[in-house]
Amino acid sequence: MKIKLKNIIITVFIAALILPFILITDFFPFARFGMFAEPVSSVDTLKIFETEYYQYHQWHYLDGKQFNMASESFMYLAGNYFYRNQSKEFLLKLSQAIPDTSIYAWRLKQIQIHGNNLKQSDTVIIETLKIR
């Protein structure tokens, strides 16, 4: 039997088209560019997480240096709790780590800065925890 070069090329081409769908382990490529995916944009968005506490009738910014941490590490930790939907647990742990009786409430904020323009920033209060 003589195998034609045309049949070999067609078989390899069809195998190259079908093989990725056989070897796929998740649907990430389809979700990324699918119907419900966010459009790809070149504008960078900076997300900053801040923690504040309410003391003496005003809100005060909590810096990570109070825990001997860099501010960026503390912000990363707050973001990690936010993305796991555990913001309330994060604030509870903070209130237990700083047992000041004059603190009335804690809150976690997310600030989104679009591009390099600080005037176009959005602030969202994610969670508020009242202690008393």
Protein backbone atom coordinates (compact mmCIF):
# COMPACT_ATOMS: atom_id res chain seq x y z
CA MET A 1 0.00 0.00 0.00
CA LYS A 2 1.22 3.33 -0.94
CA ILE A 3 0.54 6.24 1.48
CA LYS A 4 0.20 9.51 -0.27
CA LEU A 5 1.88 12.63 1.05
CA LYS A 6 -1.43 14.45 0.83
CA ASN A 7 -3.08 12.01 3.29
CA ILE A 8 -0.19 12.38 5.77
CA ILE A 9 -0.43 16.18 5.69
CA ILE A 10 -4.20 16.11 6.20
CA THR A 11 -3.88 13.65 9.11
CA VAL A 12 -1.20 15.73 10.82
CA PHE A 13 -3.23 18.92 10.33
CA ILE A 14 -6.40 17.40 11.82
CA ALA A 15 -4.42 15.94 14.72
CA ALA A 16 -2.84 19.33 15.40
CA LEU A 17 -6.31 20.89 15.54
CA ILE A 18 -7.87 18.25 17.81
CA LEU A 19 -4.96 17.39 20.13
CA PRO A 20 -5.04 20.61 22.24
CA PHE A 21 -8.71 19.98 23.08
CA ILE A 22 -7.91 16.44 24.18
CA LEU A 23 -4.98 17.49 26.38
CA ILE A 24 -6.65 20.52 27.99
CA THR A 25 -6.97 20.30 31.79
CA ASP A 26 -9.16 23.33 32.48
CA PHE A 27 -11.26 25.89 30.67
CA PHE A 28 -9.02 28.87 31.39
CA PRO A 29 -8.28 29.74 27.75
CA PHE A 30 -11.99 29.78 26.99
CA ALA A 31 -12.91 31.81 30.08
CA ARG A 32 -10.20 34.39 29.45
CA PHE A 33 -11.46 35.34 26.01
CA GLY A 34 -15.02 34.10 26.35
CA MET A 35 -18.33 35.87 26.48
CA PHE A 36 -18.08 36.89 30.16
CA ALA A 37 -14.41 37.83 30.22
CA GLU A 38 -13.26 41.37 30.87
CA PRO A 39 -11.90 43.14 27.83
CA VAL A 40 -8.14 43.32 27.56
CA SER A 41 -7.00 46.86 28.25
CA SER A 42 -3.66 48.54 28.35
CA VAL A 43 -4.56 50.90 31.22
CA ASP A 44 -2.99 49.73 34.46
CA THR A 45 -5.03 49.89 37.64
CA LEU A 46 -3.27 50.16 40.97
CA LYS A 47 -5.17 48.67 43.91
CA ILE A 48 -4.28 49.82 47.40
CA PHE A 49 -5.78 48.36 50.56
CA GLU A 50 -5.92 50.51 53.68
CA THR A 51 -6.99 49.68 57.20
CA GLU A 52 -8.36 52.33 59.51
CA TYR A 53 -9.60 52.44 63.06
CA TYR A 54 -12.10 54.82 64.68
CA GLN A 55 -10.73 56.45 67.81
CA TYR A 56 -11.61 59.74 69.52
CA HIS A 57 -14.32 60.61 66.96
CA GLN A 58 -12.14 60.32 63.85
CA TRP A 59 -10.67 57.68 61.55
CA HIS A 60 -6.93 56.95 61.78
CA TYR A 61 -4.80 55.14 59.20
CA LEU A 62 -3.18 51.93 60.45
CA ASP A 63 0.37 51.52 59.21
CA GLY A 64 2.03 48.11 58.95
CA LYS A 65 5.05 49.43 60.82
CA GLN A 66 3.09 49.00 64.05
CA PHE A 67 3.48 45.25 63.45
CA ASN A 68 7.11 45.49 62.32
CA MET A 69 6.04 44.94 58.72
CA ALA A 70 6.63 46.95 55.59
CA SER A 71 3.57 48.88 54.44
CA GLU A 72 3.51 46.94 51.17
CA SER A 73 3.51 43.59 53.00
CA PHE A 74 0.66 44.70 55.22
CA MET A 75 -1.29 45.90 52.17
CA TYR A 76 -0.64 42.55 50.44
CA LEU A 77 -1.93 40.72 53.51
CA ALA A 78 -5.10 42.82 53.57
CA GLY A 79 -5.60 42.17 49.84
CA ASN A 80 -5.13 38.45 50.36
CA TYR A 81 -7.91 38.38 52.95
CA PHE A 82 -10.11 40.50 50.67
CA TYR A 83 -9.74 38.20 47.67
CA ARG A 84 -10.56 35.17 49.84
CA ASN A 85 -13.75 36.94 51.10
CA GLN A 86 -12.41 36.97 54.66
CA SER A 87 -12.27 40.72 55.30
CA LYS A 88 -14.21 40.43 58.54
CA GLU A 89 -11.80 37.80 59.87
CA PHE A 90 -8.88 40.10 58.99
CA LEU A 91 -10.42 42.95 60.98
CA LEU A 92 -11.16 40.63 63.89
CA LYS A 93 -7.52 39.52 64.00
CA LEU A 94 -6.40 43.15 63.92
CA SER A 95 -8.70 44.07 66.77
CA GLN A 96 -7.31 41.18 68.81
CA ALA A 97 -3.73 42.14 67.97
CA ILE A 98 -4.31 45.74 69.10
CA PRO A 99 -6.50 45.47 72.22
CA ASP A 100 -6.94 49.22 72.71
CA THR A 101 -10.14 49.97 74.62
CA SER A 102 -10.55 53.40 73.02
CA ILE A 103 -10.92 51.96 69.50
CA TYR A 104 -14.59 51.82 68.55
CA ALA A 105 -14.48 50.32 65.03
CA TRP A 106 -12.24 49.02 62.25
CA ARG A 107 -12.66 49.27 58.49
CA LEU A 108 -10.94 48.01 55.36
CA LYS A 109 -10.83 50.21 52.25
CA GLN A 110 -9.79 49.57 48.69
CA ILE A 111 -8.48 52.43 46.57
CA GLN A 112 -8.25 51.93 42.81
CA ILE A 113 -6.09 54.34 40.83
CA HIS A 114 -6.60 54.18 37.08
CA GLY A 115 -3.36 54.71 35.19
CA ASN A 116 -1.08 57.30 36.74
CA ASN A 117 -3.84 59.83 37.37
CA LEU A 118 -4.40 60.27 41.11
CA LYS A 119 -7.45 62.44 40.45
CA GLN A 120 -9.32 59.46 39.00
CA SER A 121 -9.22 57.22 42.03
CA ASP A 122 -12.13 55.22 43.41
CA THR A 123 -12.43 54.41 47.10
CA VAL A 124 -14.61 51.55 48.30
CA ILE A 125 -15.21 50.65 51.93
CA ILE A 126 -15.11 46.88 51.89
CA GLU A 127 -15.87 45.95 55.48
CA THR A 128 -16.58 47.77 58.73
CA LEU A 129 -16.32 46.00 62.08
CA LYS A 130 -17.77 47.65 65.17
CA ILE A 131 -16.20 46.45 68.38
CA ARG A 132 -18.48 48.17 70.85
